[in-house]
Amino acid sequence: MSAPMTGNSRVLLVGSFITLLANSLSAQNNCIDCHVTLDDEALSAPARAMSEDVHAQAGMGCADCHGGDPTLAIIDGDYDPAKEPSTGFVGAPGYADVPQFCGKCHADAAYMQRFNPNLAVDQLAQYWTSVHGQKLVEGATDVAQCVSCHGAHGTLSPRDPRSQVYPTRVAETCAGCHASQEHMAPYGIPVDQLEQYRASVHGRALDGGDLSAPTCNTCHGNHGATPPGLSSVSLVCGNCHAIQREFFGASPHFEAFAEIGEPECETCHGNHDVQHADDQLLGVEVGQICGDCHFEGEEPYNVAQAMRADLEELKTAIADARGTVEQASVAGMEVSEAELVLIDANQALVQARNAVHAVSPETLREETDPGRNFAQTAREMGLFALEELQYRRRGLAVSVFFILLVVAGLYFKIRQIEEEKSQ
């Protein structure tokens, strides 16, 4: 039976552990201590960048990726036993080897469990399905791989605003290749996507601080990035715009677009340059897009015209009701209930704008009819409040008249009394 550990023994044990840990960390830093002193910027810059690297912060050192034995010192400034083949030293991977190089850890669920149990481990598998991965396998050396987006040394967490893959920087990161005419020319890909995106409703929302606004990888994916298929991006749109997607799925456009090979959402709204959708897009007036495919005399043309008229009628009804209610409110009348009914009318307008995607006058009226009823109710409540105001004003006028009459009578009575006393 072993003797119980004394206080001094515990101190010695803890001290030994700290010493071993310090030696281990010091050994891990041997690579960096040497490289930061080198004149070659290509060798010294990566070492300096490791100070903020997410891997270094997790306790990993150079040897964890590159192999070698950082505990061994260079001999005579020439022979480096730390990089002997027997140490497992692999150095910098070739361009096509990078995904597998990163994947040896990031595709190992048991290994990643030690650092971040919530981090997905299918990035490598996704990458090989992407257009980038497929081109890399074919021998291309100008397609994105891990370090193209995340960097090699000084890699930051995606949650760090300085990271190249932070939401507000993703578009610029992708544009590093996709905005280069020289880079994209062999693939026949346009290079104006970033410019269009920045001017879009999505880009402006992101610039305004909405980190949930879609950016490149929201629609195209990230590790499994894919070129836009005829319907793939539309399916992504439905993740945020689910109601519109449901209406569209029941519309005549759904099958028609599929038959002629047209994409769904993008046909009317565009893709990178998506603008705020307003009512002008519907109908046959200036700013409409229905007339791009349908012409006067055709039934679809008449449908678009009727739907726009229905929508405008609802908007007019709401505007009239709002004007009446606001007039009563400014006059000091209690109209809170009418304002609540106006909210219902506006909600009906929102639903009607969604229902436009069904391209059905009947479906649209299911939303506009209740909206008009709400607007009419709110207007009647506003008119009632204004009538009540007039009633009160008339009542006040009559009251004031009789009060003045009484005051006048009292005045003359007082004068009469005073005259009688003076005689």
Protein backbone atom coordinates (compact mmCIF):
# COMPACT_ATOMS: atom_id res chain seq x y z
CA MET A 1 0.00 0.00 0.00
CA SER A 2 1.51 3.32 -1.03
CA ALA A 3 1.98 6.11 1.44
CA PRO A 4 -0.39 9.09 1.23
CA MET A 5 0.87 12.06 -0.79
CA THR A 6 2.14 14.88 1.39
CA GLY A 7 1.71 18.57 0.71
CA ASN A 8 5.33 18.86 -0.44
CA SER A 9 4.85 15.92 -2.80
CA ARG A 10 1.85 17.61 -4.38
CA VAL A 11 3.80 20.81 -4.89
CA LEU A 12 6.65 18.88 -6.51
CA LEU A 13 4.19 17.01 -8.77
CA VAL A 14 2.44 20.18 -9.89
CA GLY A 15 5.80 21.86 -10.40
CA SER A 16 7.03 19.00 -12.55
CA PHE A 17 3.86 19.12 -14.63
CA ILE A 18 4.23 22.86 -15.19
CA THR A 19 7.86 22.39 -16.17
CA LEU A 20 6.99 19.67 -18.68
CA LEU A 21 4.17 21.82 -20.09
CA ALA A 22 6.46 24.83 -20.39
CA ASN A 23 9.10 22.73 -22.13
CA SER A 24 6.49 21.37 -24.51
CA LEU A 25 5.20 24.83 -25.38
CA SER A 26 8.75 26.08 -25.75
CA ALA A 27 9.50 23.23 -28.12
CA GLN A 28 6.41 24.04 -30.16
CA ASN A 29 7.70 27.62 -30.46
CA ASN A 30 11.16 26.61 -31.68
CA CYS A 31 9.94 26.74 -35.28
CA ILE A 32 8.51 30.22 -34.81
CA ASP A 33 11.52 31.50 -32.84
CA CYS A 34 13.74 30.54 -35.76
CA HIS A 35 11.52 31.58 -38.64
CA VAL A 36 10.74 35.09 -37.37
CA THR A 37 14.46 35.88 -37.61
CA LEU A 38 14.78 34.84 -41.25
CA ASP A 39 15.31 37.47 -43.94
CA ASP A 40 13.09 35.65 -46.42
CA GLU A 41 9.63 37.20 -45.96
CA ALA A 42 7.99 34.05 -47.34
CA LEU A 43 9.43 32.15 -44.36
CA SER A 44 9.15 34.78 -41.63
CA ALA A 45 5.67 36.19 -42.35
CA PRO A 46 3.84 32.88 -41.63
CA ALA A 47 5.61 32.63 -38.26
CA ARG A 48 4.55 36.15 -37.27
CA ALA A 49 0.96 35.47 -38.35
CA MET A 50 0.67 32.50 -35.99
CA SER A 51 0.25 34.79 -32.97
CA GLU A 52 -3.46 35.12 -33.70
CA ASP A 53 -4.02 31.86 -35.52
CA VAL A 54 -7.06 29.89 -34.36
CA HIS A 55 -5.03 26.68 -34.42
CA ALA A 56 -2.28 28.15 -32.24
CA GLN A 57 -4.88 29.40 -29.78
CA ALA A 58 -6.17 25.83 -29.54
CA GLY A 59 -2.70 24.71 -28.53
CA MET A 60 -1.46 23.41 -31.85
CA GLY A 61 2.02 24.10 -33.14
CA CYS A 62 3.79 24.08 -36.47
CA ALA A 63 4.65 20.38 -36.21
CA ASP A 64 0.97 19.45 -35.89
CA CYS A 65 0.51 20.38 -39.55
CA HIS A 66 3.99 20.18 -41.02
CA GLY A 67 5.45 17.35 -38.97
CA GLY A 68 9.09 17.42 -37.94
CA ASP A 69 10.59 17.58 -34.46
CA PRO A 70 10.71 21.14 -33.13
CA THR A 71 12.72 20.01 -30.10
CA LEU A 72 15.82 19.45 -32.22
CA ALA A 73 18.11 22.35 -32.96
CA ILE A 74 19.83 23.19 -36.24
CA ILE A 75 23.42 22.01 -36.37
CA ASP A 76 26.09 24.43 -37.65
CA GLY A 77 23.37 26.55 -39.28
CA ASP A 78 23.03 24.06 -42.09
CA TYR A 79 21.98 20.57 -41.12
CA ASP A 80 18.46 20.58 -39.61
CA PRO A 81 17.62 17.31 -37.86
CA ALA A 82 14.15 18.68 -37.04
CA LYS A 83 13.25 18.21 -40.71
CA GLU A 84 14.65 14.74 -41.22
CA PRO A 85 12.26 12.35 -43.08
CA SER A 86 12.27 10.19 -39.96
CA THR A 87 10.54 13.02 -38.09
CA GLY A 88 7.58 12.97 -40.47
CA PHE A 89 8.37 16.45 -41.82
CA VAL A 90 6.21 17.29 -44.85
CA GLY A 91 6.83 21.00 -45.29
CA ALA A 92 4.50 23.06 -47.43
CA PRO A 93 1.95 20.97 -49.35
CA GLY A 94 1.53 21.30 -53.09
CA TYR A 95 -1.42 23.35 -54.36
CA ALA A 96 -3.52 20.29 -55.18
CA ASP A 97 -2.60 18.64 -51.88
CA VAL A 98 -3.97 21.39 -49.62
CA PRO A 99 -7.53 20.01 -49.21
CA GLN A 100 -6.26 16.62 -48.11
CA PHE A 101 -3.60 18.32 -45.96
CA CYS A 102 -6.28 20.27 -44.03
CA GLY A 103 -8.70 17.37 -44.17
CA LYS A 104 -6.41 15.02 -42.25
CA CYS A 105 -7.66 16.86 -39.15
CA HIS A 106 -10.88 18.52 -40.26
CA ALA A 107 -12.34 15.31 -41.67
CA ASP A 108 -11.44 13.31 -38.57
CA ALA A 109 -14.46 13.39 -36.25
CA ALA A 110 -12.59 11.84 -33.30
CA TYR A 111 -9.74 14.35 -33.59
CA MET A 112 -12.00 17.41 -34.01
CA GLN A 113 -14.05 16.31 -31.01
CA ARG A 114 -11.11 17.37 -28.85
CA PHE A 115 -11.23 20.96 -30.08
CA ASN A 116 -14.72 21.81 -31.31
CA PRO A 117 -17.42 19.12 -31.10
CA ASN A 118 -19.85 21.39 -33.01
CA LEU A 119 -17.62 21.85 -36.04
CA ALA A 120 -18.75 19.88 -39.09
CA VAL A 121 -16.28 17.29 -40.38
CA ASP A 122 -17.70 16.88 -43.89
CA GLN A 123 -16.02 19.94 -45.40
CA LEU A 124 -13.53 17.84 -47.36
CA ALA A 125 -16.22 15.55 -48.73
CA GLN A 126 -18.27 18.59 -49.74
CA TYR A 127 -15.29 20.23 -51.37
CA TRP A 128 -14.68 17.28 -53.72
CA THR A 129 -18.29 17.63 -54.97
CA SER A 130 -17.84 21.33 -55.69
CA VAL A 131 -16.83 22.85 -59.01
CA HIS A 132 -13.65 24.05 -57.31
CA GLY A 133 -12.76 20.56 -56.12
CA GLN A 134 -13.59 18.95 -59.44
CA LYS A 135 -11.42 21.43 -61.35
CA LEU A 136 -8.59 20.87 -58.89
CA VAL A 137 -8.74 17.13 -59.54
CA GLU A 138 -8.61 17.87 -63.26
CA GLY A 139 -5.33 19.67 -62.71
CA ALA A 140 -6.34 23.33 -62.44
CA THR A 141 -4.08 25.40 -60.25
CA ASP A 142 -6.19 28.56 -60.18
CA VAL A 143 -9.29 27.30 -58.38
CA ALA A 144 -10.14 27.95 -54.76
CA GLN A 145 -9.07 25.53 -52.09
CA CYS A 146 -8.92 25.79 -48.30
CA VAL A 147 -6.19 28.42 -47.94
CA SER A 148 -7.66 30.55 -50.77
CA CYS A 149 -10.50 31.54 -48.45
CA HIS A 150 -9.25 30.82 -44.93
CA GLY A 151 -5.58 31.64 -45.32
CA ALA A 152 -2.72 29.33 -44.42
CA HIS A 153 -1.18 30.95 -41.34
CA GLY A 154 -2.96 33.46 -39.15
CA THR A 155 -6.28 31.72 -39.81
CA LEU A 156 -9.05 33.46 -37.87
CA SER A 157 -12.33 32.10 -36.59
CA PRO A 158 -15.26 32.70 -38.99
CA ARG A 159 -16.85 34.61 -36.12
CA ASP A 160 -13.99 37.10 -36.07
CA PRO A 161 -14.94 40.26 -38.07
CA ARG A 162 -11.39 40.29 -39.48
CA SER A 163 -11.75 36.81 -40.94
CA GLN A 164 -11.90 36.47 -44.72
CA VAL A 165 -15.03 34.36 -44.32
CA TYR A 166 -16.89 36.64 -41.89
CA PRO A 167 -20.28 37.49 -43.46
CA THR A 168 -19.36 41.07 -44.31
CA ARG A 169 -16.14 39.94 -46.05
CA VAL A 170 -17.26 36.82 -47.92
CA ALA A 171 -18.20 38.72 -51.08
CA GLU A 172 -14.78 40.38 -51.24
CA THR A 173 -13.06 37.05 -50.63
CA CYS A 174 -14.94 35.39 -53.49
CA ALA A 175 -14.29 38.43 -55.65
CA GLY A 176 -10.57 37.89 -55.20
CA CYS A 177 -10.99 35.44 -58.07
CA HIS A 178 -14.45 36.14 -59.46
CA ALA A 179 -13.87 39.86 -60.07
CA SER A 180 -10.65 39.19 -61.99
CA GLN A 181 -11.08 39.31 -65.74
CA GLU A 182 -7.83 37.44 -66.26
CA HIS A 183 -8.74 34.76 -63.75
CA MET A 184 -12.27 34.15 -65.05
CA ALA A 185 -11.60 34.45 -68.79
CA PRO A 186 -10.72 30.76 -69.28
CA TYR A 187 -14.00 29.77 -67.67
CA GLY A 188 -16.22 32.28 -69.46
CA ILE A 189 -17.60 33.61 -66.17
CA PRO A 190 -18.68 37.29 -65.83
CA VAL A 191 -16.72 39.41 -63.37
CA ASP A 192 -19.39 41.96 -62.38
CA GLN A 193 -21.09 39.90 -59.67
CA LEU A 194 -19.54 41.83 -56.76
CA GLU A 195 -20.54 45.18 -58.22
CA GLN A 196 -24.09 43.93 -58.78
CA TYR A 197 -24.31 42.36 -55.33
CA ARG A 198 -23.19 45.51 -53.54
CA ALA A 199 -25.98 47.45 -55.27
CA SER A 200 -28.59 44.78 -54.50
CA VAL A 201 -31.11 44.74 -51.66
CA HIS A 202 -29.12 41.91 -50.09
CA GLY A 203 -25.78 43.72 -50.30
CA ARG A 204 -27.24 46.95 -48.90
CA ALA A 205 -28.80 45.02 -46.01
CA LEU A 206 -25.45 43.41 -45.19
CA ASP A 207 -23.69 46.79 -45.38
CA GLY A 208 -26.35 48.08 -43.00
CA GLY A 209 -25.32 45.54 -40.37
CA ASP A 210 -27.80 42.72 -41.05
CA LEU A 211 -25.52 39.69 -40.78
CA SER A 212 -28.43 37.41 -41.74
CA ALA A 213 -28.60 38.97 -45.21
CA PRO A 214 -27.56 36.49 -47.91
CA THR A 215 -24.10 36.67 -49.38
CA CYS A 216 -22.22 34.46 -51.88
CA ASN A 217 -22.02 31.27 -49.83
CA THR A 218 -25.65 31.59 -48.69
CA CYS A 219 -26.83 30.80 -52.21
CA HIS A 220 -23.89 28.96 -53.76
CA GLY A 221 -22.68 27.07 -50.71
CA ASN A 222 -19.18 27.31 -49.29
CA HIS A 223 -17.17 24.10 -49.15
CA GLY A 224 -19.59 22.48 -51.60
CA ALA A 225 -19.80 25.58 -53.77
CA THR A 226 -21.66 24.81 -56.97
CA PRO A 227 -22.41 26.77 -60.14
CA PRO A 228 -25.99 28.01 -60.31
CA GLY A 229 -28.29 25.44 -61.89
CA LEU A 230 -31.62 26.30 -63.45
CA SER A 231 -33.53 25.79 -60.23
CA SER A 232 -30.92 25.31 -57.49
CA VAL A 233 -30.64 28.97 -56.54
CA SER A 234 -34.43 29.31 -56.55
CA LEU A 235 -34.63 26.53 -54.01
CA VAL A 236 -32.20 28.48 -51.86
CA CYS A 237 -34.37 31.60 -52.18
CA GLY A 238 -37.21 29.59 -50.70
CA ASN A 239 -35.26 29.06 -47.50
CA CYS A 240 -35.88 32.71 -46.64
CA HIS A 241 -38.85 33.51 -48.88
CA ALA A 242 -40.88 30.42 -48.07
CA ILE A 243 -44.35 31.94 -48.58
CA GLN A 244 -43.50 33.32 -52.01
CA ARG A 245 -41.95 30.00 -52.96
CA GLU A 246 -45.14 28.15 -51.94
CA PHE A 247 -47.35 30.44 -54.01
CA PHE A 248 -45.01 30.16 -56.99
CA GLY A 249 -45.07 26.36 -56.78
CA ALA A 250 -48.84 26.49 -57.39
CA SER A 251 -48.59 28.99 -60.25
CA PRO A 252 -48.69 28.34 -64.02
CA HIS A 253 -45.16 29.76 -64.17
CA PHE A 254 -43.75 26.82 -62.20
CA GLU A 255 -44.24 24.21 -64.93
CA ALA A 256 -43.88 26.69 -67.78
CA PHE A 257 -40.46 27.85 -66.62
CA ALA A 258 -39.34 24.23 -66.21
CA GLU A 259 -40.45 23.38 -69.74
CA ILE A 260 -38.55 26.24 -71.38
CA GLY A 261 -35.51 25.91 -69.10
CA GLU A 262 -35.96 29.23 -67.31
CA PRO A 263 -34.90 29.63 -63.67
CA GLU A 264 -37.63 30.50 -61.23
CA CYS A 265 -37.01 33.46 -58.92
CA GLU A 266 -34.10 34.83 -60.95
CA THR A 267 -36.18 35.21 -64.13
CA CYS A 268 -38.11 38.10 -62.60
CA HIS A 269 -35.86 39.27 -59.77
CA GLY A 270 -32.35 38.63 -61.08
CA ASN A 271 -29.67 36.96 -59.00
CA HIS A 272 -26.70 39.07 -57.91
CA ASP A 273 -28.45 42.41 -58.56
CA VAL A 274 -31.74 41.64 -56.77
CA GLN A 275 -33.55 44.91 -56.08
CA HIS A 276 -36.33 45.71 -53.65
CA ALA A 277 -39.48 44.22 -55.15
CA ASP A 278 -42.20 46.85 -55.53
CA ASP A 279 -45.64 46.79 -57.12
CA GLN A 280 -44.33 48.33 -60.34
CA LEU A 281 -43.00 44.93 -61.39
CA LEU A 282 -46.56 43.67 -61.76
CA GLY A 283 -48.90 44.73 -64.54
CA VAL A 284 -48.42 46.44 -67.87
CA GLU A 285 -47.40 49.96 -66.87
CA VAL A 286 -43.96 51.58 -66.73
CA GLY A 287 -41.49 49.49 -64.74
CA GLN A 288 -43.37 46.21 -65.20
CA ILE A 289 -41.70 42.94 -66.20
CA CYS A 290 -44.77 40.91 -67.19
CA GLY A 291 -44.65 42.51 -70.64
CA ASP A 292 -41.21 41.05 -71.20
CA CYS A 293 -42.90 37.75 -72.02
CA HIS A 294 -46.60 38.56 -72.45
CA PHE A 295 -48.10 40.97 -74.98
CA GLU A 296 -51.29 42.96 -75.36
CA GLY A 297 -54.20 40.83 -76.53
CA GLU A 298 -52.97 37.71 -74.71
CA GLU A 299 -54.79 36.34 -71.69
CA PRO A 300 -51.68 36.45 -69.43
CA TYR A 301 -51.35 40.15 -70.30
CA ASN A 302 -54.93 40.73 -69.15
CA VAL A 303 -54.29 38.70 -65.99
CA ALA A 304 -51.29 40.85 -65.08
CA GLN A 305 -53.31 44.02 -65.72
CA ALA A 306 -56.22 42.79 -63.57
CA MET A 307 -53.97 41.73 -60.71
CA ARG A 308 -52.21 45.09 -60.63
CA ALA A 309 -55.57 46.89 -60.63
CA ASP A 310 -56.77 44.71 -57.74
CA LEU A 311 -53.64 45.49 -55.76
CA GLU A 312 -53.90 49.22 -56.45
CA GLU A 313 -57.56 49.22 -55.36
CA LEU A 314 -56.55 47.75 -52.01
CA LYS A 315 -53.74 50.28 -51.59
CA THR A 316 -56.12 53.13 -52.37
CA ALA A 317 -58.66 51.82 -49.85
CA ILE A 318 -55.98 51.61 -47.16
CA ALA A 319 -54.68 55.10 -47.97
CA ASP A 320 -58.19 56.60 -47.76
CA ALA A 321 -58.84 54.84 -44.47
CA ARG A 322 -55.49 55.92 -43.04
CA GLY A 323 -56.16 59.54 -44.04
CA THR A 324 -59.54 59.52 -42.31
CA VAL A 325 -58.22 57.90 -39.14
CA GLU A 326 -55.23 60.25 -38.97
CA GLN A 327 -57.55 63.26 -39.39
CA ALA A 328 -59.59 62.09 -36.43
CA SER A 329 -56.46 61.36 -34.40
CA VAL A 330 -54.99 64.82 -35.03
CA ALA A 331 -58.31 66.32 -33.88
CA GLY A 332 -57.85 64.54 -30.55
CA MET A 333 -60.33 61.70 -31.00
CA GLU A 334 -59.73 58.21 -29.64
CA VAL A 335 -59.02 56.01 -32.69
CA SER A 336 -56.74 53.27 -31.30
CA GLU A 337 -59.17 50.54 -32.30
CA ALA A 338 -59.34 51.87 -35.86
CA GLU A 339 -55.53 51.92 -35.98
CA LEU A 340 -55.49 48.23 -35.02
CA VAL A 341 -57.87 47.47 -37.86
CA LEU A 342 -55.55 49.38 -40.21
CA ILE A 343 -52.73 47.07 -39.14
CA ASP A 344 -54.87 44.13 -40.24
CA ALA A 345 -55.48 45.86 -43.57
CA ASN A 346 -51.76 46.41 -44.09
CA GLN A 347 -51.05 42.80 -43.21
CA ALA A 348 -53.54 41.78 -45.87
CA LEU A 349 -51.62 43.94 -48.35
CA VAL A 350 -48.39 42.15 -47.43
CA GLN A 351 -50.08 38.80 -47.94
CA ALA A 352 -51.51 39.99 -51.26
CA ARG A 353 -48.05 40.93 -52.48
CA ASN A 354 -46.90 37.42 -51.61
CA ALA A 355 -49.92 35.92 -53.37
CA VAL A 356 -48.93 37.70 -56.58
CA HIS A 357 -46.45 34.85 -57.12
CA ALA A 358 -49.39 32.48 -57.64
CA VAL A 359 -50.24 34.44 -60.82
CA SER A 360 -53.94 33.89 -60.12
CA PRO A 361 -56.51 36.71 -59.82
CA GLU A 362 -58.70 34.40 -57.72
CA THR A 363 -55.90 33.64 -55.26
CA LEU A 364 -55.01 37.33 -55.08
CA ARG A 365 -58.61 38.30 -54.26
CA GLU A 366 -58.56 35.87 -51.32
CA GLU A 367 -56.11 38.30 -49.77
CA THR A 368 -57.29 41.65 -51.16
CA ASP A 369 -61.00 41.21 -50.33
CA PRO A 370 -60.38 40.87 -46.57
CA GLY A 371 -57.94 43.77 -46.83
CA ARG A 372 -60.57 46.01 -48.40
CA ASN A 373 -63.03 44.99 -45.70
CA PHE A 374 -60.54 45.92 -43.00
CA ALA A 375 -59.83 49.24 -44.73
CA GLN A 376 -63.55 50.00 -45.06
CA THR A 377 -64.11 49.19 -41.39
CA ALA A 378 -61.23 51.41 -40.32
CA ARG A 379 -62.50 54.26 -42.52
CA GLU A 380 -66.02 53.96 -41.08
CA MET A 381 -64.57 54.06 -37.57
CA GLY A 382 -62.61 57.16 -38.52
CA LEU A 383 -65.72 58.79 -40.02
CA PHE A 384 -67.69 57.94 -36.90
CA ALA A 385 -64.99 59.59 -34.80
CA LEU A 386 -65.15 62.70 -37.01
CA GLU A 387 -68.95 62.78 -36.73
CA GLU A 388 -68.59 62.45 -32.98
CA LEU A 389 -66.20 65.38 -33.10
CA GLN A 390 -68.73 67.49 -35.00
CA TYR A 391 -71.47 66.46 -32.58
CA ARG A 392 -69.31 67.50 -29.67
CA ARG A 393 -68.48 70.78 -31.36
CA ARG A 394 -72.18 71.51 -31.99
CA GLY A 395 -72.99 70.57 -28.43
CA LEU A 396 -70.23 72.81 -27.19
CA ALA A 397 -71.49 75.68 -29.33
CA VAL A 398 -75.01 75.32 -27.94
CA SER A 399 -73.64 75.09 -24.42
CA VAL A 400 -71.52 78.16 -24.88
CA PHE A 401 -74.54 80.05 -26.30
CA PHE A 402 -76.69 79.30 -23.28
CA ILE A 403 -73.84 80.05 -20.91
CA LEU A 404 -73.34 83.41 -22.58
CA LEU A 405 -77.09 83.99 -22.45
CA VAL A 406 -77.12 83.31 -18.72
CA VAL A 407 -74.08 85.49 -18.20
CA ALA A 408 -75.74 88.30 -20.14
CA GLY A 409 -78.92 87.90 -18.10
CA LEU A 410 -76.98 88.04 -14.86
CA TYR A 411 -75.11 91.09 -16.09
CA PHE A 412 -78.29 93.02 -16.85
CA LYS A 413 -79.87 91.85 -13.62
CA ILE A 414 -76.88 93.10 -11.63
CA ARG A 415 -77.02 96.44 -13.48
CA GLN A 416 -80.72 96.72 -12.65
CA ILE A 417 -80.10 96.04 -8.98
CA GLU A 418 -77.27 98.57 -8.84
CA GLU A 419 -79.43 101.25 -10.49
CA GLU A 420 -82.29 100.65 -8.04
CA LYS A 421 -79.85 101.05 -5.09
CA SER A 422 -78.48 104.29 -6.47
CA GLN A 423 -81.92 105.97 -6.67
